[in-house]
C-alpha atoms as a PDB file:
ATOM      1  CA  UNK A   1      -4.227  12.207  22.718  1.00  0.00           C
ATOM      2  CA  UNK A   2      -5.432  11.580  19.045  1.00  0.00           C
ATOM      3  CA  UNK A   3      -3.015   8.770  17.372  1.00  0.00           C
ATOM      4  CA  UNK A   4      -2.845   5.730  15.473  1.00  0.00           C
ATOM      5  CA  UNK A   5      -7.051   4.851  17.046  1.00  0.00           C
ATOM      6  CA  UNK A   6      -8.011   7.798  15.131  1.00  0.00           C
ATOM      7  CA  UNK A   7      -6.903   6.755  11.234  1.00  0.00           C
ATOM      8  CA  UNK A   8      -8.218   3.307  12.446  1.00  0.00           C
ATOM      9  CA  UNK A   9     -11.458   4.259  13.308  1.00  0.00           C
ATOM     10  CA  UNK A  10     -11.969   6.292  10.057  1.00  0.00           C
ATOM     11  CA  UNK A  11     -10.268   3.295   7.873  1.00  0.00           C
ATOM     12  CA  UNK A  12     -13.082   1.210   9.593  1.00  0.00           C
ATOM     13  CA  UNK A  13     -15.937   3.663   9.093  1.00  0.00           C
ATOM     14  CA  UNK A  14     -15.143   3.506   5.541  1.00  0.00           C
ATOM     15  CA  UNK A  15     -15.066  -0.419   4.982  1.00  0.00           C
ATOM     16  CA  UNK A  16     -18.190  -0.539   7.269  1.00  0.00           C
ATOM     17  CA  UNK A  17     -20.061   1.481   4.836  1.00  0.00           C
ATOM     18  CA  UNK A  18     -18.803  -1.094   2.236  1.00  0.00           C
ATOM     19  CA  UNK A  19     -20.065  -3.872   3.648  1.00  0.00           C
ATOM     20  CA  UNK A  20     -23.196  -1.832   4.113  1.00  0.00           C
ATOM     21  CA  UNK A  21     -23.553  -1.146   0.610  1.00  0.00           C
ATOM     22  CA  UNK A  22     -22.303  -4.342  -0.730  1.00  0.00           C
ATOM     23  CA  UNK A  23     -25.214  -5.907   1.180  1.00  0.00           C
ATOM     24  CA  UNK A  24     -27.680  -3.990  -0.085  1.00  0.00           C
ATOM     25  CA  UNK A  25     -27.191  -4.402  -3.818  1.00  0.00           C
ATOM     26  CA  UNK A  26     -29.393  -6.869  -5.112  1.00  0.00           C
ATOM     27  CA  UNK A  27     -28.701  -6.771  -8.239  1.00  0.00           C
ATOM     28  CA  UNK A  28     -24.662  -8.542  -7.625  1.00  0.00           C
ATOM     29  CA  UNK A  29     -25.338 -12.560  -6.826  1.00  0.00           C
ATOM     30  CA  UNK A  30     -22.661 -12.486  -4.049  1.00  0.00           C
ATOM     31  CA  UNK A  31     -23.349  -9.542  -2.881  1.00  0.00           C
ATOM     32  CA  UNK A  32     -22.966 -11.505   0.833  1.00  0.00           C
ATOM     33  CA  UNK A  33     -19.118 -12.259   0.082  1.00  0.00           C
ATOM     34  CA  UNK A  34     -18.468  -8.946  -0.703  1.00  0.00           C
ATOM     35  CA  UNK A  35     -20.194  -7.584   2.784  1.00  0.00           C
ATOM     36  CA  UNK A  36     -18.559 -10.120   5.222  1.00  0.00           C
ATOM     37  CA  UNK A  37     -15.294  -9.305   3.234  1.00  0.00           C
ATOM     38  CA  UNK A  38     -15.361  -5.445   3.722  1.00  0.00           C
ATOM     39  CA  UNK A  39     -17.280  -6.087   7.732  1.00  0.00           C
ATOM     40  CA  UNK A  40     -14.391  -8.418   8.175  1.00  0.00           C
ATOM     41  CA  UNK A  41     -11.913  -5.465   7.297  1.00  0.00           C
ATOM     42  CA  UNK A  42     -13.980  -2.904   9.353  1.00  0.00           C
ATOM     43  CA  UNK A  43     -13.500  -5.403  12.414  1.00  0.00           C
ATOM     44  CA  UNK A  44      -9.945  -5.550  12.079  1.00  0.00           C
ATOM     45  CA  UNK A  45      -9.793  -1.860  12.053  1.00  0.00           C
ATOM     46  CA  UNK A  46     -12.156  -1.242  15.093  1.00  0.00           C
ATOM     47  CA  UNK A  47     -11.278  -4.008  17.179  1.00  0.00           C
ATOM     48  CA  UNK A  48      -8.043  -5.614  15.843  1.00  0.00           C
ATOM     49  CA  UNK A  49      -7.051  -4.977  19.589  1.00  0.00           C
ATOM     50  CA  UNK A  50      -9.290  -6.404  21.494  1.00  0.00           C
ATOM     51  CA  UNK A  51      -9.290  -9.763  19.453  1.00  0.00           C
ATOM     52  CA  UNK A  52      -5.736 -11.383  20.234  1.00  0.00           C
ATOM     53  CA  UNK A  53      -3.732 -12.850  18.319  1.00  0.00           C
ATOM     54  CA  UNK A  54      -5.834 -15.915  18.225  1.00  0.00           C
ATOM     55  CA  UNK A  55      -8.971 -13.867  17.014  1.00  0.00           C
ATOM     56  CA  UNK A  56      -6.673 -11.843  14.604  1.00  0.00           C
ATOM     57  CA  UNK A  57      -5.071 -15.092  13.295  1.00  0.00           C
ATOM     58  CA  UNK A  58      -9.792 -16.477  13.102  1.00  0.00           C
ATOM     59  CA  UNK A  59     -10.449 -13.023  11.377  1.00  0.00           C
ATOM     60  CA  UNK A  60      -7.813 -13.320   8.306  1.00  0.00           C
ATOM     61  CA  UNK A  61      -8.122 -17.141   7.392  1.00  0.00           C
ATOM     62  CA  UNK A  62     -12.239 -15.870   7.470  1.00  0.00           C
ATOM     63  CA  UNK A  63     -10.473 -13.032   4.550  1.00  0.00           C
ATOM     64  CA  UNK A  64      -8.622 -15.799   2.860  1.00  0.00           C
ATOM     65  CA  UNK A  65     -11.878 -18.177   2.709  1.00  0.00           C
ATOM     66  CA  UNK A  66     -13.882 -15.765   1.178  1.00  0.00           C
ATOM     67  CA  UNK A  67     -11.416 -14.831  -1.441  1.00  0.00           C
ATOM     68  CA  UNK A  68     -10.276 -18.527  -1.835  1.00  0.00           C
ATOM     69  CA  UNK A  69     -14.031 -20.001  -2.549  1.00  0.00           C
ATOM     70  CA  UNK A  70     -14.375 -16.681  -5.006  1.00  0.00           C
ATOM     71  CA  UNK A  71     -17.305 -15.495  -2.822  1.00  0.00           C
ATOM     72  CA  UNK A  72     -16.829 -11.987  -3.711  1.00  0.00           C
ATOM     73  CA  UNK A  73     -18.280 -10.167  -7.229  1.00  0.00           C
ATOM     74  CA  UNK A  74     -18.281  -6.746  -8.731  1.00  0.00           C
ATOM     75  CA  UNK A  75     -21.586  -4.811  -7.240  1.00  0.00           C
ATOM     76  CA  UNK A  76     -23.754  -3.104  -9.482  1.00  0.00           C
ATOM     77  CA  UNK A  77     -24.960  -0.456  -7.447  1.00  0.00           C
ATOM     78  CA  UNK A  78     -26.054   2.335  -9.668  1.00  0.00           C
ATOM     79  CA  UNK A  79     -23.149   5.414  -9.713  1.00  0.00           C
ATOM     80  CA  UNK A  80     -23.162   8.141 -11.622  1.00  0.00           C
ATOM     81  CA  UNK A  81     -23.230   7.343 -15.342  1.00  0.00           C
ATOM     82  CA  UNK A  82     -19.497   7.130 -17.377  1.00  0.00           C
ATOM     83  CA  UNK A  83     -20.956  10.309 -19.861  1.00  0.00           C
ATOM     84  CA  UNK A  84     -21.733  12.042 -16.362  1.00  0.00           C
ATOM     85  CA  UNK A  85     -18.309  11.490 -15.155  1.00  0.00           C
ATOM     86  CA  UNK A  86     -16.916  12.854 -18.503  1.00  0.00           C
ATOM     87  CA  UNK A  87     -19.248  16.056 -18.095  1.00  0.00           C
ATOM     88  CA  UNK A  88     -17.636  16.787 -14.957  1.00  0.00           C
ATOM     89  CA  UNK A  89     -14.368  16.759 -16.429  1.00  0.00           C
ATOM     90  CA  UNK A  90     -15.025  18.573 -19.040  1.00  0.00           C
ATOM     91  CA  UNK A  91     -16.756  20.946 -17.317  1.00  0.00           C
ATOM     92  CA  UNK A  92     -13.904  21.634 -14.324  1.00  0.00           C
ATOM     93  CA  UNK A  93     -10.868  20.407 -16.148  1.00  0.00           C
ATOM     94  CA  UNK A  94      -8.249  20.456 -13.962  1.00  0.00           C
ATOM     95  CA  UNK A  95      -9.690  21.766 -10.766  1.00  0.00           C
ATOM     96  CA  UNK A  96     -10.853  18.125 -10.283  1.00  0.00           C
ATOM     97  CA  UNK A  97      -7.365  17.340  -8.747  1.00  0.00           C
ATOM     98  CA  UNK A  98      -7.331  20.209  -6.113  1.00  0.00           C
ATOM     99  CA  UNK A  99      -8.966  18.234  -3.638  1.00  0.00           C
ATOM    100  CA  UNK A 100      -7.069  15.367  -3.932  1.00  0.00           C
ATOM    101  CA  UNK A 101      -3.895  17.597  -3.760  1.00  0.00           C
ATOM    102  CA  UNK A 102      -5.498  19.116  -0.245  1.00  0.00           C
ATOM    103  CA  UNK A 103      -4.608  15.402   1.317  1.00  0.00           C
ATOM    104  CA  UNK A 104      -0.624  15.800   0.939  1.00  0.00           C
ATOM    105  CA  UNK A 105      -0.361  19.994   1.668  1.00  0.00           C
ATOM    106  CA  UNK A 106      -2.751  19.255   5.181  1.00  0.00           C
ATOM    107  CA  UNK A 107      -0.767  15.407   6.242  1.00  0.00           C
ATOM    108  CA  UNK A 108       2.115  17.597   5.129  1.00  0.00           C
ATOM    109  CA  UNK A 109       1.036  21.035   7.386  1.00  0.00           C
ATOM    110  CA  UNK A 110      -0.220  18.634   9.948  1.00  0.00           C
ATOM    111  CA  UNK A 111       2.750  16.521  10.771  1.00  0.00           C
ATOM    112  CA  UNK A 112       5.021  20.191  10.985  1.00  0.00           C
ATOM    113  CA  UNK A 113       2.070  21.562  13.405  1.00  0.00           C
ATOM    114  CA  UNK A 114       0.896  18.178  15.555  1.00  0.00           C
ATOM    115  CA  UNK A 115       4.207  17.104  16.420  1.00  0.00           C
ATOM    116  CA  UNK A 116       4.198  20.754  18.221  1.00  0.00           C
ATOM    117  CA  UNK A 117       1.366  20.071  20.532  1.00  0.00           C
ATOM    118  CA  UNK A 118       2.656  17.056  21.907  1.00  0.00           C
ATOM    119  CA  UNK A 119      -0.175  17.121  24.984  1.00  0.00           C
ATOM    120  CA  UNK A 120      -3.148  16.700  22.346  1.00  0.00           C
ATOM    121  CA  UNK A 121      -1.083  14.745  19.537  1.00  0.00           C
ATOM    122  CA  UNK A 122       0.429  11.504  19.409  1.00  0.00           C
ATOM    123  CA  UNK A 123       4.264  12.676  18.619  1.00  0.00           C
ATOM    124  CA  UNK A 124       4.697   9.310  16.737  1.00  0.00           C
ATOM    125  CA  UNK A 125       1.746   8.926  14.283  1.00  0.00           C
ATOM    126  CA  UNK A 126       1.274  13.248  13.689  1.00  0.00           C
ATOM    127  CA  UNK A 127       1.846  12.398  10.159  1.00  0.00           C
ATOM    128  CA  UNK A 128      -1.150   9.488   9.568  1.00  0.00           C
ATOM    129  CA  UNK A 129      -3.394  11.512  11.907  1.00  0.00           C
ATOM    130  CA  UNK A 130      -2.781  14.261   9.589  1.00  0.00           C
ATOM    131  CA  UNK A 131      -3.228  12.367   5.959  1.00  0.00           C
ATOM    132  CA  UNK A 132      -6.406  10.627   7.645  1.00  0.00           C
ATOM    133  CA  UNK A 133      -7.541  14.698   8.742  1.00  0.00           C
ATOM    134  CA  UNK A 134      -6.339  15.648   5.037  1.00  0.00           C
ATOM    135  CA  UNK A 135      -8.773  13.057   3.352  1.00  0.00           C
ATOM    136  CA  UNK A 136     -11.384  13.602   5.695  1.00  0.00           C
ATOM    137  CA  UNK A 137     -11.319  17.841   4.525  1.00  0.00           C
ATOM    138  CA  UNK A 138     -10.374  16.538   0.920  1.00  0.00           C
ATOM    139  CA  UNK A 139     -14.142  14.943   1.113  1.00  0.00           C
ATOM    140  CA  UNK A 140     -15.664  17.758   3.034  1.00  0.00           C
ATOM    141  CA  UNK A 141     -14.534  19.863  -0.071  1.00  0.00           C
ATOM    142  CA  UNK A 142     -15.810  17.540  -2.431  1.00  0.00           C
ATOM    143  CA  UNK A 143     -18.898  17.842  -1.132  1.00  0.00           C
ATOM    144  CA  UNK A 144     -19.404  20.908  -0.465  1.00  0.00           C
ATOM    145  CA  UNK A 145     -18.079  22.131  -4.250  1.00  0.00           C
ATOM    146  CA  UNK A 146     -19.767  19.522  -6.405  1.00  0.00           C
ATOM    147  CA  UNK A 147     -22.543  18.249  -4.323  1.00  0.00           C
ATOM    148  CA  UNK A 148     -23.269  14.859  -4.931  1.00  0.00           C
ATOM    149  CA  UNK A 149     -25.383  13.098  -3.629  1.00  0.00           C
ATOM    150  CA  UNK A 150     -24.390  11.992   0.126  1.00  0.00           C
ATOM    151  CA  UNK A 151     -24.304   8.029  -0.682  1.00  0.00           C
ATOM    152  CA  UNK A 152     -22.334   8.661  -4.048  1.00  0.00           C
ATOM    153  CA  UNK A 153     -18.746   9.258  -2.596  1.00  0.00           C
ATOM    154  CA  UNK A 154     -19.425   5.958  -0.772  1.00  0.00           C
ATOM    155  CA  UNK A 155     -20.888   4.128  -3.834  1.00  0.00           C
ATOM    156  CA  UNK A 156     -18.076   5.350  -6.325  1.00  0.00           C
ATOM    157  CA  UNK A 157     -15.269   3.861  -3.153  1.00  0.00           C
ATOM    158  CA  UNK A 158     -17.566   0.647  -3.272  1.00  0.00           C
ATOM    159  CA  UNK A 159     -17.616   0.562  -7.100  1.00  0.00           C
ATOM    160  CA  UNK A 160     -14.095   0.507  -7.008  1.00  0.00           C
ATOM    161  CA  UNK A 161     -13.010  -1.680  -4.458  1.00  0.00           C
ATOM    162  CA  UNK A 162     -15.139  -4.161  -5.751  1.00  0.00           C
ATOM    163  CA  UNK A 163     -13.487  -3.703  -8.840  1.00  0.00           C
ATOM    164  CA  UNK A 164      -9.837  -4.768  -7.789  1.00  0.00           C
ATOM    165  CA  UNK A 165     -11.958  -7.185  -5.094  1.00  0.00           C
ATOM    166  CA  UNK A 166      -9.472  -9.085  -2.259  1.00  0.00           C
ATOM    167  CA  UNK A 167      -5.973  -7.565  -4.177  1.00  0.00           C
ATOM    168  CA  UNK A 168      -6.330  -4.099  -3.070  1.00  0.00           C
ATOM    169  CA  UNK A 169      -5.300  -5.607   0.664  1.00  0.00           C
ATOM    170  CA  UNK A 170      -2.806  -8.026  -0.909  1.00  0.00           C
ATOM    171  CA  UNK A 171      -0.293  -5.291  -0.105  1.00  0.00           C
ATOM    172  CA  UNK A 172      -0.823  -5.109   3.776  1.00  0.00           C
ATOM    173  CA  UNK A 173      -1.038  -9.079   3.952  1.00  0.00           C
ATOM    174  CA  UNK A 174       2.244  -9.399   2.375  1.00  0.00           C
ATOM    175  CA  UNK A 175       3.930  -6.477   4.593  1.00  0.00           C
ATOM    176  CA  UNK A 176       2.808  -9.107   7.213  1.00  0.00           C
ATOM    177  CA  UNK A 177       4.177 -11.992   5.429  1.00  0.00           C
ATOM    178  CA  UNK A 178       7.555  -9.550   5.433  1.00  0.00           C
ATOM    179  CA  UNK A 179       7.302  -9.080   9.779  1.00  0.00           C
ATOM    180  CA  UNK A 180       7.304 -12.815   9.641  1.00  0.00           C
ATOM    181  CA  UNK A 181       9.994 -13.801   7.502  1.00  0.00           C
ATOM    182  CA  UNK A 182      12.502 -11.693   9.936  1.00  0.00           C
ATOM    183  CA  UNK A 183      11.506 -13.432  13.011  1.00  0.00           C
ATOM    184  CA  UNK A 184      11.415 -17.169  11.717  1.00  0.00           C
ATOM    185  CA  UNK A 185      15.046 -16.025  10.336  1.00  0.00           C
ATOM    186  CA  UNK A 186      14.670 -15.709   6.523  1.00  0.00           C
ATOM    187  CA  UNK A 187      16.717 -13.296   6.475  1.00  0.00           C
ATOM    188  CA  UNK A 188      20.045 -15.552   7.737  1.00  0.00           C
ATOM    189  CA  UNK A 189      19.109 -18.134   5.136  1.00  0.00           C
ATOM    190  CA  UNK A 190      18.943 -15.501   2.418  1.00  0.00           C
ATOM    191  CA  UNK A 191      21.965 -14.019   3.468  1.00  0.00           C
ATOM    192  CA  UNK A 192      24.010 -17.246   3.468  1.00  0.00           C
ATOM    193  CA  UNK A 193      22.659 -17.702  -0.220  1.00  0.00           C
ATOM    194  CA  UNK A 194      23.566 -14.504  -1.281  1.00  0.00           C
ATOM    195  CA  UNK A 195      27.204 -14.569   0.038  1.00  0.00           C
ATOM    196  CA  UNK A 196      27.508 -18.058  -1.771  1.00  0.00           C
ATOM    197  CA  UNK A 197      26.502 -15.965  -4.904  1.00  0.00           C
ATOM    198  CA  UNK A 198      28.880 -12.472  -4.342  1.00  0.00           C
ATOM    199  CA  UNK A 199      32.363 -13.477  -5.638  1.00  0.00           C
ATOM    200  CA  UNK A 200      34.567 -12.698  -3.132  1.00  0.00           C
ATOM    201  CA  UNK A 201      36.060  -9.433  -2.671  1.00  0.00           C
ATOM    202  CA  UNK A 202      33.701  -7.881  -5.098  1.00  0.00           C
ATOM    203  CA  UNK A 203      31.846  -4.755  -3.757  1.00  0.00           C
ATOM    204  CA  UNK A 204      29.425  -4.827  -7.016  1.00  0.00           C
ATOM    205  CA  UNK A 205      28.649  -8.056  -7.188  1.00  0.00           C
ATOM    206  CA  UNK A 206      27.562  -8.102  -3.208  1.00  0.00           C
ATOM    207  CA  UNK A 207      25.700  -4.508  -4.596  1.00  0.00           C
ATOM    208  CA  UNK A 208      24.131  -6.243  -7.191  1.00  0.00           C
ATOM    209  CA  UNK A 209      22.769  -8.586  -5.080  1.00  0.00           C
ATOM    210  CA  UNK A 210      21.552  -6.840  -2.314  1.00  0.00           C
ATOM    211  CA  UNK A 211      19.567  -4.762  -4.602  1.00  0.00           C
ATOM    212  CA  UNK A 212      18.591  -6.902  -7.010  1.00  0.00           C
ATOM    213  CA  UNK A 213      17.346  -9.012  -4.255  1.00  0.00           C
ATOM    214  CA  UNK A 214      15.232  -5.954  -2.597  1.00  0.00           C
ATOM    215  CA  UNK A 215      14.223  -5.535  -6.234  1.00  0.00           C
ATOM    216  CA  UNK A 216      13.273  -9.497  -6.606  1.00  0.00           C
ATOM    217  CA  UNK A 217      12.080  -9.620  -3.183  1.00  0.00           C
ATOM    218  CA  UNK A 218       9.295  -6.534  -3.983  1.00  0.00           C
ATOM    219  CA  UNK A 219       8.228  -7.952  -6.786  1.00  0.00           C
ATOM    220  CA  UNK A 220       7.320 -11.381  -5.080  1.00  0.00           C
ATOM    221  CA  UNK A 221       5.718  -9.889  -1.621  1.00  0.00           C
ATOM    222  CA  UNK A 222       4.869  -7.065  -3.492  1.00  0.00           C
ATOM    223  CA  UNK A 223       5.789  -4.840  -0.923  1.00  0.00           C
ATOM    224  CA  UNK A 224       9.454  -2.785  -0.430  1.00  0.00           C
ATOM    225  CA  UNK A 225       9.125  -2.658   3.132  1.00  0.00           C
ATOM    226  CA  UNK A 226       8.209  -6.681   3.584  1.00  0.00           C
ATOM    227  CA  UNK A 227      11.308  -7.329   1.639  1.00  0.00           C
ATOM    228  CA  UNK A 228      13.570  -4.727   3.233  1.00  0.00           C
ATOM    229  CA  UNK A 229      14.100  -6.483   6.504  1.00  0.00           C
ATOM    230  CA  UNK A 230      14.755  -9.635   4.509  1.00  0.00           C
ATOM    231  CA  UNK A 231      17.236  -8.372   2.771  1.00  0.00           C
ATOM    232  CA  UNK A 232      18.684  -5.808   4.927  1.00  0.00           C
ATOM    233  CA  UNK A 233      19.091  -8.364   7.808  1.00  0.00           C
ATOM    234  CA  UNK A 234      20.633 -10.881   4.921  1.00  0.00           C
ATOM    235  CA  UNK A 235      23.250  -8.947   2.817  1.00  0.00           C
ATOM    236  CA  UNK A 236      22.694  -4.939   3.990  1.00  0.00           C
ATOM    237  CA  UNK A 237      23.961  -4.944   7.031  1.00  0.00           C
ATOM    238  CA  UNK A 238      26.479  -8.471   7.381  1.00  0.00           C
ATOM    239  CA  UNK A 239      27.521  -7.825   3.683  1.00  0.00           C
ATOM    240  CA  UNK A 240      27.860  -4.127   2.909  1.00  0.00           C
ATOM    241  CA  UNK A 241      28.023  -3.388   6.228  1.00  0.00           C
ATOM    242  CA  UNK A 242      29.600  -5.155   8.245  1.00  0.00           C
ATOM    243  CA  UNK A 243      32.323  -6.533   5.743  1.00  0.00           C
ATOM    244  CA  UNK A 244      32.109  -2.982   3.323  1.00  0.00           C
ATOM    245  CA  UNK A 245      31.968  -0.726   6.076  1.00  0.00           C
ATOM    246  CA  UNK A 246      28.810   1.302   4.180  1.00  0.00           C
ATOM    247  CA  UNK A 247      26.575   4.013   6.224  1.00  0.00           C
ATOM    248  CA  UNK A 248      23.945   2.161   7.592  1.00  0.00           C
ATOM    249  CA  UNK A 249      21.452   4.456   6.395  1.00  0.00           C
ATOM    250  CA  UNK A 250      22.531   4.875   2.607  1.00  0.00           C
ATOM    251  CA  UNK A 251      22.583   1.470   2.307  1.00  0.00           C
ATOM    252  CA  UNK A 252      18.885   1.363   3.954  1.00  0.00           C
ATOM    253  CA  UNK A 253      17.686   4.051   2.129  1.00  0.00           C
ATOM    254  CA  UNK A 254      19.035   3.640  -1.502  1.00  0.00           C
ATOM    255  CA  UNK A 255      18.431  -0.137  -0.565  1.00  0.00           C
ATOM    256  CA  UNK A 256      14.535   0.576  -0.473  1.00  0.00           C
ATOM    257  CA  UNK A 257      14.734   2.997  -3.319  1.00  0.00           C
ATOM    258  CA  UNK A 258      15.785  -0.238  -5.461  1.00  0.00           C
ATOM    259  CA  UNK A 259      12.669  -2.170  -3.557  1.00  0.00           C
ATOM    260  CA  UNK A 260      10.233   0.296  -4.649  1.00  0.00           C
ATOM    261  CA  UNK A 261      12.103  -0.323  -8.482  1.00  0.00           C
ATOM    262  CA  UNK A 262      10.011  -3.354  -8.455  1.00  0.00           C
ATOM    263  CA  UNK A 263       6.691  -1.946  -7.113  1.00  0.00           C
ATOM    264  CA  UNK A 264       6.358  -0.743 -10.783  1.00  0.00           C
ATOM    265  CA  UNK A 265       6.940  -4.292 -12.162  1.00  0.00           C
ATOM    266  CA  UNK A 266       4.318  -6.620  -9.834  1.00  0.00           C
ATOM    267  CA  UNK A 267       1.065  -7.395  -9.932  1.00  0.00           C
ATOM    268  CA  UNK A 268       1.539  -8.039  -6.162  1.00  0.00           C
ATOM    269  CA  UNK A 269       1.954  -4.340  -5.532  1.00  0.00           C
ATOM    270  CA  UNK A 270      -2.293  -4.418  -6.159  1.00  0.00           C
ATOM    271  CA  UNK A 271      -2.692  -0.200  -4.394  1.00  0.00           C
ATOM    272  CA  UNK A 272      -0.266   1.437  -7.150  1.00  0.00           C
ATOM    273  CA  UNK A 273      -0.223  -1.104 -10.165  1.00  0.00           C
ATOM    274  CA  UNK A 274      -4.268  -2.823  -9.971  1.00  0.00           C
ATOM    275  CA  UNK A 275      -6.202  -0.310  -8.499  1.00  0.00           C
ATOM    276  CA  UNK A 276      -5.181   2.700 -11.212  1.00  0.00           C
ATOM    277  CA  UNK A 277      -6.327   0.222 -14.112  1.00  0.00           C
ATOM    278  CA  UNK A 278      -9.319   0.126 -12.625  1.00  0.00           C
ATOM    279  CA  UNK A 279      -9.576   3.056 -11.651  1.00  0.00           C
ATOM    280  CA  UNK A 280      -9.180   4.080 -14.907  1.00  0.00           C
ATOM    281  CA  UNK A 281     -11.627   1.314 -16.057  1.00  0.00           C
ATOM    282  CA  UNK A 282      -8.589  -0.057 -18.578  1.00  0.00           C
ATOM    283  CA  UNK A 283      -9.129  -3.538 -20.672  1.00  0.00           C
ATOM    284  CA  UNK A 284      -5.767  -4.984 -19.476  1.00  0.00           C
ATOM    285  CA  UNK A 285      -5.308  -4.493 -15.813  1.00  0.00           C
ATOM    286  CA  UNK A 286      -1.357  -4.802 -16.693  1.00  0.00           C
ATOM    287  CA  UNK A 287      -1.427  -2.054 -18.431  1.00  0.00           C
ATOM    288  CA  UNK A 288      -0.048   0.402 -15.712  1.00  0.00           C
ATOM    289  CA  UNK A 289       3.037  -2.219 -15.386  1.00  0.00           C
ATOM    290  CA  UNK A 290       3.766  -2.943 -18.699  1.00  0.00           C
ATOM    291  CA  UNK A 291       4.147   1.387 -19.042  1.00  0.00           C
ATOM    292  CA  UNK A 292       6.561   1.534 -16.010  1.00  0.00           C
ATOM    293  CA  UNK A 293       9.031  -1.291 -16.716  1.00  0.00           C
ATOM    294  CA  UNK A 294      11.002   1.188 -18.745  1.00  0.00           C
ATOM    295  CA  UNK A 295      11.088   3.779 -16.265  1.00  0.00           C
ATOM    296  CA  UNK A 296      11.772   0.657 -13.263  1.00  0.00           C
ATOM    297  CA  UNK A 297      14.519  -1.331 -14.724  1.00  0.00           C
ATOM    298  CA  UNK A 298      17.067   2.116 -15.199  1.00  0.00           C
ATOM    299  CA  UNK A 299      15.807   3.190 -12.131  1.00  0.00           C
ATOM    300  CA  UNK A 300      17.466  -0.176 -10.812  1.00  0.00           C
ATOM    301  CA  UNK A 301      20.494   0.131 -12.348  1.00  0.00           C
ATOM    302  CA  UNK A 302      20.590   3.949 -11.103  1.00  0.00           C
ATOM    303  CA  UNK A 303      20.266   2.701  -7.641  1.00  0.00           C
ATOM    304  CA  UNK A 304      22.663  -0.101  -7.712  1.00  0.00           C
ATOM    305  CA  UNK A 305      25.473   2.875  -9.609  1.00  0.00           C
ATOM    306  CA  UNK A 306      24.072   5.015  -6.142  1.00  0.00           C
ATOM    307  CA  UNK A 307      23.776   2.596  -3.881  1.00  0.00           C
ATOM    308  CA  UNK A 308      28.469   1.433  -4.825  1.00  0.00           C
ATOM    309  CA  UNK A 309      29.246   5.327  -5.181  1.00  0.00           C
ATOM    310  CA  UNK A 310      27.502   6.990  -2.476  1.00  0.00           C
ATOM    311  CA  UNK A 311      27.056   4.357   0.157  1.00  0.00           C
ATOM    312  CA  UNK A 312      30.752   3.465   1.068  1.00  0.00           C
ATOM    313  CA  UNK A 313      33.414   5.848   2.838  1.00  0.00           C
END
């Protein structure tokens, strides 16, 4: 049965390729740090379930050690030049986005189709399986259409990941931290503090604390999925649902949207805010965040309004 292991195998292969190219990049004085970091990630995807809790903990400590000692550096392996990329863009125009659009299309179609084949696909993981397949098909389409050197896509990926560095896995690390916080009962502590702040009898105050808390924790942790177990357990369920009889589904869904407003305003969400800056080769790595803040704040206020008017009765 095809399930999450399929996606893990593909991701491990990609990071393994990054490690190999990093190790052979003699122009990078920190190539072994890069190779070790991406190699450890490959191992985590390929054999994480075999390493056990202690093994995975040591692997994470290895990642932290490499990043903390600043053993990683930007690679110097030659890829396509800026002029070549500009020429390709001028020649092919917006058609260059077609392979990228294949990914969500295949993910959507695959999710609907694979659910009808439960003997072949794990129905709980069909979206991730379809997404992985979409990425592979898009890459194959790029090879067939653009005919790059076989190593070029991986080399470009390595260049991008080297530009972002260890921050590329920050969202995953922080999401794991959110799970740890939930197990440690941080939500109850936050709930106690929040309930002391909320004015007595004020539904608007409860809604505002919940939404602002979701956005604030997301800014700190870089991931709304990490903030959710803390804020929903601390404020959403006991206050908005328990005291004010809010609809749990609406409180959860709109709360996540409020958290995503925080995603727009934090460098901790490296995959959303730092990777695009590196991909676009912007001089200011926070340029994406600065452009998004004027949208994020009105959206957060809108989500507070949605919670207040739609989540109750």
